[in-house]
Amino acid sequence: MEENNIDLEQEDDELYEYLKLVADPGQTPLRLDKFITHHSNVSRTKIKDAIDTESVKVNGKAVKASYKIKPGDEVSISLSKPPKEPTEIIPQDIPLDIIYEDDTVLIVNKDADMVVHPGYNNWDGTLVNALVHHFGHLPTSKNGAIRPGLVHRIDKGTTGLLVIAKTEYAMQHLARQFADHSTERTYYAVVWGEPEEDKGTINVNLGRSFKDRRITDVFPEGDIGRKAITHYEVIKRMRYVSLVKCNLETGRTHQIRAHMKYLGHPLFGDTTYGGNKVLRGNLFSKYKQFVDNCFQIMPRQALHAKSLGFEHPEKKEWMQFDSELPADMQELIEKWEHYVQYN
């Protein structure tokens, strides 16, 4: 990670790959699992897991492995795939804030300084290094490369909840949920200014900036980038800043950060998207000093992955988890509340 805190992590959808197969007009009846085996290089184990987790659909509907393929049938497959990471990851005894754990999944509350996975300038000291130490073994890809159970990611500088898959089946089951956008993900953010509406939806395509691929740009015309939807609600108005709740319908790189900037309300302290300077209020000395003090409290984007919900891969029950706002974010909010009350 570079010194300016720009994050290079993949978006959620880059953790999945999609295949589409169409049966020929002369196709003879053939079991679905055999059809996929014959027309792809996907392993039988992955095919079975994909079918069992309803990640395989024929003509838009989930079916069993015994389904007989007919001429013209369209088979769509979504598969979890290993992120691009080193094939060897050093186990490191790094403390983890574990919220929940069973034989299938683990929920961890990531701190602000931790990077999720090894990458440029961050080859160790990451969440993945800690997970390898904690588990001793993790789901692995076909070629034996370490695959650390990552189903989704959050940026460096962002705190909050992540779910980790402990088995290949759980990986595929959770990957399908994230790909289908059937999970629940709620973030809290402190943004500059007060949004005009109390709640709304930002539906604007996002993609890598043409000028700097480390940054996400918005493409309002919709002909470039990928579909991105964020639902937001103002929780608290504090004249110069607001506490906003955001629910992700999609999972693009820096989605909330880019969408809120597009709305005209960058995240407080967000160096990458312009939130690390005074964007509301006059620059008289007393106010500027107050804001500078707030930047010292929150030297990162004020963003927290507060809640996470999904269907448990084995229990098939809805699991819902919630976390407290981190101390620096709570202090930031309290200081702004106090300032607007007495000034």
Protein backbone atom coordinates (compact mmCIF):
# COMPACT_ATOMS: atom_id res chain seq x y z
CA MET A 1 0.00 0.00 0.00
CA GLU A 2 1.36 3.40 -0.92
CA GLU A 3 1.82 6.22 1.53
CA ASN A 4 -1.22 8.13 0.24
CA ASN A 5 -3.39 5.26 1.50
CA ILE A 6 -4.80 4.40 -1.93
CA ASP A 7 -6.10 0.85 -1.80
CA LEU A 8 -5.40 -1.67 -4.51
CA GLU A 9 -7.73 -4.44 -3.38
CA GLN A 10 -10.13 -6.18 -5.76
CA GLU A 11 -13.82 -5.45 -5.77
CA ASP A 12 -16.10 -8.24 -4.57
CA ASP A 13 -17.21 -9.24 -8.05
CA GLU A 14 -13.60 -9.83 -9.10
CA LEU A 15 -13.55 -12.75 -6.65
CA TYR A 16 -15.97 -14.67 -8.88
CA GLU A 17 -15.89 -15.97 -12.43
CA TYR A 18 -18.88 -16.60 -14.65
CA LEU A 19 -19.39 -19.25 -17.34
CA LYS A 20 -22.22 -19.60 -19.82
CA LEU A 21 -22.84 -22.77 -21.83
CA VAL A 22 -25.53 -23.26 -24.48
CA ALA A 23 -26.56 -26.77 -25.55
CA ASP A 24 -26.34 -27.44 -29.30
CA PRO A 25 -29.54 -28.07 -31.32
CA GLY A 26 -28.52 -31.71 -31.62
CA GLN A 27 -27.77 -32.20 -27.92
CA THR A 28 -28.91 -35.58 -26.63
CA PRO A 29 -30.28 -35.78 -23.04
CA LEU A 30 -27.33 -35.57 -20.63
CA ARG A 31 -27.05 -35.01 -16.89
CA LEU A 32 -26.25 -31.42 -15.98
CA ASP A 33 -23.05 -32.27 -14.07
CA LYS A 34 -21.73 -34.38 -16.96
CA PHE A 35 -22.65 -31.69 -19.47
CA ILE A 36 -20.59 -29.09 -17.56
CA THR A 37 -17.69 -31.54 -17.19
CA HIS A 38 -17.67 -32.19 -20.93
CA HIS A 39 -17.82 -28.51 -21.88
CA SER A 40 -15.47 -26.90 -19.36
CA ASN A 41 -12.28 -27.50 -17.43
CA VAL A 42 -14.01 -27.06 -14.07
CA SER A 43 -13.25 -29.88 -11.63
CA ARG A 44 -16.00 -32.30 -10.63
CA THR A 45 -15.74 -31.19 -7.01
CA LYS A 46 -16.27 -27.55 -7.93
CA ILE A 47 -19.15 -28.49 -10.22
CA LYS A 48 -20.82 -30.44 -7.42
CA ASP A 49 -20.37 -27.59 -4.93
CA ALA A 50 -21.68 -25.08 -7.46
CA ILE A 51 -24.81 -27.15 -8.18
CA ASP A 52 -25.41 -27.87 -4.48
CA THR A 53 -25.20 -24.14 -3.64
CA GLU A 54 -27.53 -23.18 -6.54
CA SER A 55 -24.68 -21.40 -8.29
CA VAL A 56 -25.61 -23.25 -11.48
CA LYS A 57 -28.82 -22.29 -13.25
CA VAL A 58 -30.46 -23.66 -16.37
CA ASN A 59 -32.59 -21.14 -18.22
CA GLY A 60 -32.45 -18.92 -15.14
CA LYS A 61 -33.56 -21.56 -12.61
CA ALA A 62 -31.55 -23.63 -10.13
CA VAL A 63 -31.79 -27.36 -10.84
CA LYS A 64 -30.33 -30.61 -9.53
CA ALA A 65 -27.30 -32.40 -10.92
CA SER A 66 -29.61 -35.06 -12.39
CA TYR A 67 -31.39 -32.53 -14.61
CA LYS A 68 -31.20 -33.67 -18.25
CA ILE A 69 -29.86 -31.02 -20.59
CA LYS A 70 -31.98 -30.45 -23.73
CA PRO A 71 -31.16 -28.68 -27.00
CA GLY A 72 -30.98 -24.90 -26.55
CA ASP A 73 -30.70 -24.99 -22.74
CA GLU A 74 -28.62 -22.11 -21.36
CA VAL A 75 -26.42 -23.03 -18.39
CA SER A 76 -24.98 -20.19 -16.30
CA ILE A 77 -22.35 -20.89 -13.64
CA SER A 78 -20.86 -18.56 -11.03
CA LEU A 79 -17.72 -19.84 -9.32
CA SER A 80 -15.50 -18.51 -6.58
CA LYS A 81 -11.95 -18.05 -7.78
CA PRO A 82 -8.67 -17.56 -5.94
CA PRO A 83 -7.53 -13.94 -5.64
CA LYS A 84 -4.20 -13.06 -7.19
CA GLU A 85 -1.89 -13.57 -4.26
CA PRO A 86 1.50 -15.12 -3.49
CA THR A 87 1.47 -18.93 -3.50
CA GLU A 88 3.21 -18.92 -0.12
CA ILE A 89 1.90 -16.85 2.76
CA ILE A 90 3.78 -16.62 6.03
CA PRO A 91 1.63 -17.47 9.06
CA GLN A 92 1.84 -14.60 11.54
CA ASP A 93 0.51 -14.47 15.08
CA ILE A 94 -1.49 -11.26 14.63
CA PRO A 95 -4.39 -10.66 17.04
CA LEU A 96 -7.82 -10.97 15.46
CA ASP A 97 -11.08 -9.54 16.77
CA ILE A 98 -13.21 -12.63 16.16
CA ILE A 99 -16.96 -11.99 16.46
CA TYR A 100 -18.13 -15.52 15.64
CA GLU A 101 -16.63 -18.82 14.57
CA ASP A 102 -17.83 -22.35 13.83
CA ASP A 103 -16.60 -25.19 11.63
CA THR A 104 -17.77 -23.42 8.48
CA VAL A 105 -17.35 -19.66 8.77
CA LEU A 106 -15.55 -17.04 10.79
CA ILE A 107 -16.58 -13.40 11.29
CA VAL A 108 -13.80 -10.95 12.03
CA ASN A 109 -13.95 -7.26 12.90
CA LYS A 110 -11.06 -5.70 10.94
CA ASP A 111 -9.20 -2.72 12.36
CA ALA A 112 -8.28 0.36 10.34
CA ASP A 113 -4.57 -0.34 9.87
CA MET A 114 -4.93 -3.92 8.66
CA VAL A 115 -4.75 -4.71 4.96
CA VAL A 116 -6.91 -7.67 3.97
CA HIS A 117 -4.48 -9.57 1.76
CA PRO A 118 -0.84 -9.46 0.64
CA GLY A 119 -0.09 -7.19 -2.26
CA TYR A 120 2.15 -4.38 -3.46
CA ASN A 121 4.02 -2.86 -0.48
CA ASN A 122 2.09 -5.14 1.92
CA TRP A 123 3.48 -8.65 1.59
CA ASP A 124 2.93 -9.52 5.25
CA GLY A 125 1.15 -8.29 8.35
CA THR A 126 -2.20 -8.73 6.62
CA LEU A 127 -5.46 -10.35 7.62
CA VAL A 128 -4.58 -13.32 5.42
CA ASN A 129 -1.28 -13.84 7.27
CA ALA A 130 -3.22 -13.84 10.53
CA LEU A 131 -5.84 -16.26 9.17
CA VAL A 132 -3.24 -18.75 7.98
CA HIS A 133 -1.77 -18.78 11.49
CA HIS A 134 -5.19 -19.00 13.15
CA PHE A 135 -6.54 -21.86 11.04
CA GLY A 136 -3.43 -23.86 10.28
CA HIS A 137 -5.08 -24.77 6.97
CA LEU A 138 -7.52 -23.07 4.66
CA PRO A 139 -9.42 -23.87 1.46
CA THR A 140 -6.92 -24.26 -1.38
CA SER A 141 -7.13 -23.89 -5.10
CA LYS A 142 -6.55 -26.74 -7.55
CA ASN A 143 -2.86 -25.95 -8.02
CA GLY A 144 -2.25 -25.85 -4.28
CA ALA A 145 -1.91 -22.06 -4.02
CA ILE A 146 -3.12 -20.70 -0.72
CA ARG A 147 -6.67 -19.53 -0.93
CA PRO A 148 -7.42 -17.83 2.36
CA GLY A 149 -11.19 -18.12 2.51
CA LEU A 150 -11.80 -14.55 1.35
CA VAL A 151 -15.29 -14.02 0.03
CA HIS A 152 -15.32 -10.21 0.07
CA ARG A 153 -12.98 -7.42 1.10
CA ILE A 154 -12.90 -3.96 2.64
CA ASP A 155 -10.32 -1.25 2.09
CA LYS A 156 -7.35 -0.44 4.24
CA GLY A 157 -8.49 2.42 6.44
CA THR A 158 -12.02 1.01 6.61
CA THR A 159 -13.02 -0.92 9.72
CA GLY A 160 -15.64 -3.56 10.24
CA LEU A 161 -17.04 -7.00 9.56
CA LEU A 162 -15.76 -9.63 7.14
CA VAL A 163 -16.90 -13.23 6.68
CA ILE A 164 -14.25 -15.89 6.04
CA ALA A 165 -15.05 -19.30 4.51
CA LYS A 166 -13.36 -22.26 6.24
CA THR A 167 -14.30 -24.93 3.68
CA GLU A 168 -14.48 -25.13 -0.11
CA TYR A 169 -18.24 -25.67 0.07
CA ALA A 170 -18.68 -22.61 2.27
CA MET A 171 -16.52 -20.61 -0.12
CA GLN A 172 -18.72 -21.50 -3.07
CA HIS A 173 -21.99 -21.05 -1.15
CA LEU A 174 -21.01 -17.60 0.12
CA ALA A 175 -19.54 -16.62 -3.26
CA ARG A 176 -22.91 -17.33 -4.85
CA GLN A 177 -24.66 -15.09 -2.32
CA PHE A 178 -22.27 -12.21 -2.90
CA ALA A 179 -22.49 -12.67 -6.68
CA ASP A 180 -26.31 -12.67 -6.48
CA HIS A 181 -26.23 -9.65 -4.11
CA SER A 182 -28.43 -11.54 -1.62
CA THR A 183 -26.24 -10.65 1.38
CA GLU A 184 -26.91 -7.69 3.68
CA ARG A 185 -24.08 -5.19 4.13
CA THR A 186 -24.52 -1.95 6.03
CA TYR A 187 -21.82 0.68 6.42
CA TYR A 188 -21.75 3.84 8.52
CA ALA A 189 -19.88 6.85 7.16
CA VAL A 190 -19.22 10.41 8.25
CA VAL A 191 -19.47 12.60 5.16
CA TRP A 192 -18.91 16.28 4.47
CA GLY A 193 -22.09 18.38 4.38
CA GLU A 194 -25.72 17.45 4.73
CA PRO A 195 -27.34 15.50 1.87
CA GLU A 196 -30.44 17.21 0.52
CA GLU A 197 -32.63 14.13 0.88
CA ASP A 198 -32.97 12.08 4.07
CA LYS A 199 -32.60 8.89 2.04
CA GLY A 200 -31.97 7.91 -1.52
CA THR A 201 -30.29 5.58 -3.99
CA ILE A 202 -27.15 6.23 -6.02
CA ASN A 203 -27.27 4.18 -9.23
CA VAL A 204 -24.21 5.25 -11.21
CA ASN A 205 -21.67 3.06 -12.98
CA LEU A 206 -18.19 2.82 -11.49
CA GLY A 207 -14.89 1.83 -13.04
CA ARG A 208 -11.15 2.34 -12.86
CA SER A 209 -10.08 5.91 -13.61
CA PHE A 210 -8.48 6.34 -17.03
CA LYS A 211 -5.94 8.71 -15.45
CA ASP A 212 -5.09 6.63 -12.36
CA ARG A 213 -6.22 3.02 -12.12
CA ARG A 214 -5.85 3.10 -8.34
CA ILE A 215 -8.87 5.39 -8.17
CA THR A 216 -12.52 4.63 -8.95
CA ASP A 217 -14.39 7.05 -11.22
CA VAL A 218 -18.10 7.47 -11.83
CA PHE A 219 -19.59 7.10 -15.31
CA PRO A 220 -23.10 8.63 -15.17
CA GLU A 221 -23.87 7.89 -18.82
CA GLY A 222 -23.75 4.16 -18.06
CA ASP A 223 -21.87 3.14 -21.18
CA ILE A 224 -18.57 2.67 -19.33
CA GLY A 225 -17.80 0.93 -16.05
CA ARG A 226 -20.00 -1.50 -14.17
CA LYS A 227 -23.38 -1.12 -12.52
CA ALA A 228 -23.10 0.07 -8.92
CA ILE A 229 -25.98 0.73 -6.52
CA THR A 230 -25.74 2.25 -3.03
CA HIS A 231 -28.77 2.98 -0.84
CA TYR A 232 -28.15 5.68 1.76
CA GLU A 233 -29.97 7.21 4.72
CA VAL A 234 -28.96 10.20 6.82
CA ILE A 235 -28.77 9.15 10.48
CA LYS A 236 -27.53 12.40 12.03
CA ARG A 237 -27.08 15.91 10.63
CA MET A 238 -24.33 18.01 12.19
CA ARG A 239 -24.41 21.13 9.98
CA TYR A 240 -20.95 20.67 8.46
CA VAL A 241 -20.90 16.86 8.38
CA SER A 242 -23.44 14.03 8.54
CA LEU A 243 -23.54 10.45 9.76
CA VAL A 244 -24.89 8.36 6.88
CA LYS A 245 -25.93 4.71 6.69
CA CYS A 246 -25.15 2.98 3.38
CA ASN A 247 -26.43 -0.38 2.17
CA LEU A 248 -24.55 -2.01 -0.67
CA GLU A 249 -26.53 -3.68 -3.42
CA THR A 250 -23.37 -4.25 -5.45
CA GLY A 251 -19.74 -4.55 -4.35
CA ARG A 252 -17.46 -2.39 -6.49
CA THR A 253 -14.02 -1.09 -5.58
CA HIS A 254 -14.36 1.98 -3.30
CA GLN A 255 -18.09 2.04 -4.08
CA ILE A 256 -19.31 4.10 -1.12
CA ARG A 257 -16.32 6.43 -1.27
CA ALA A 258 -16.78 7.15 -4.99
CA HIS A 259 -20.58 7.33 -4.85
CA MET A 260 -20.66 9.76 -1.92
CA LYS A 261 -18.12 12.00 -3.66
CA TYR A 262 -20.35 11.94 -6.75
CA LEU A 263 -23.28 12.97 -4.55
CA GLY A 264 -21.19 15.96 -3.41
CA HIS A 265 -20.46 14.57 0.05
CA PRO A 266 -17.00 12.93 0.21
CA LEU A 267 -16.16 10.86 3.27
CA PHE A 268 -14.50 12.81 6.06
CA GLY A 269 -10.75 12.20 6.08
CA ASP A 270 -10.72 10.36 2.72
CA THR A 271 -7.39 11.31 1.16
CA THR A 272 -8.11 9.53 -2.11
CA TYR A 273 -11.45 11.20 -2.79
CA GLY A 274 -10.83 14.71 -1.47
CA GLY A 275 -12.32 14.44 1.99
CA ASN A 276 -9.09 15.35 3.82
CA LYS A 277 -9.59 19.12 3.56
CA VAL A 278 -12.20 21.57 4.82
CA LEU A 279 -15.17 21.26 2.45
CA ARG A 280 -17.87 22.94 4.55
CA GLY A 281 -17.77 26.02 6.77
CA ASN A 282 -15.66 29.18 6.83
CA LEU A 283 -11.91 29.00 7.24
CA PHE A 284 -11.66 31.26 10.28
CA SER A 285 -8.89 30.17 12.63
CA LYS A 286 -11.01 28.67 15.43
CA TYR A 287 -13.06 26.46 13.08
CA LYS A 288 -10.06 25.41 11.01
CA GLN A 289 -8.20 24.39 14.17
CA PHE A 290 -11.20 22.34 15.25
CA VAL A 291 -11.33 20.53 11.89
CA ASP A 292 -7.57 19.90 11.99
CA ASN A 293 -8.02 18.31 15.41
CA CYS A 294 -10.77 16.11 13.93
CA PHE A 295 -8.44 15.03 11.13
CA GLN A 296 -5.93 13.95 13.76
CA ILE A 297 -8.62 11.86 15.44
CA MET A 298 -9.65 10.36 12.09
CA PRO A 299 -6.55 10.13 9.84
CA ARG A 300 -8.43 7.81 7.45
CA GLN A 301 -11.75 7.63 5.65
CA ALA A 302 -14.55 7.64 8.22
CA LEU A 303 -16.13 4.39 7.08
CA HIS A 304 -17.14 1.31 9.07
CA ALA A 305 -18.69 -1.98 7.88
CA LYS A 306 -21.22 -2.12 10.69
CA SER A 307 -23.46 -5.09 9.92
CA LEU A 308 -23.34 -8.21 7.80
CA GLY A 309 -26.01 -10.78 7.01
CA PHE A 310 -25.99 -13.96 4.94
CA GLU A 311 -27.38 -17.50 4.79
CA HIS A 312 -25.17 -19.94 6.68
CA PRO A 313 -23.74 -22.44 4.15
CA GLU A 314 -24.43 -25.52 6.28
CA LYS A 315 -27.27 -24.52 8.61
CA LYS A 316 -29.19 -22.75 5.81
CA GLU A 317 -30.23 -20.20 8.43
CA TRP A 318 -29.95 -16.43 8.11
CA MET A 319 -27.01 -15.15 10.15
CA GLN A 320 -26.90 -11.47 11.13
CA PHE A 321 -23.97 -9.72 12.81
CA ASP A 322 -23.52 -6.18 14.07
CA SER A 323 -20.54 -4.24 15.40
CA GLU A 324 -19.99 -1.06 17.38
CA LEU A 325 -18.53 1.98 15.71
CA PRO A 326 -14.76 2.12 16.35
CA ALA A 327 -13.53 4.47 19.07
CA ASP A 328 -12.05 7.05 16.68
CA MET A 329 -15.30 7.33 14.74
CA GLN A 330 -17.37 7.66 17.92
CA GLU A 331 -15.04 10.38 19.18
CA LEU A 332 -15.27 12.20 15.85
CA ILE A 333 -19.07 12.22 15.94
CA GLU A 334 -19.13 13.39 19.57
CA LYS A 335 -16.78 16.27 18.80
CA TRP A 336 -18.89 17.47 15.86
CA GLU A 337 -22.09 17.19 17.93
CA HIS A 338 -20.51 19.28 20.69
CA TYR A 339 -19.14 21.85 18.23
CA VAL A 340 -22.43 22.51 16.44
CA GLN A 341 -24.29 22.69 19.75
CA TYR A 342 -22.10 25.48 21.15
CA ASN A 343 -21.08 27.34 17.99
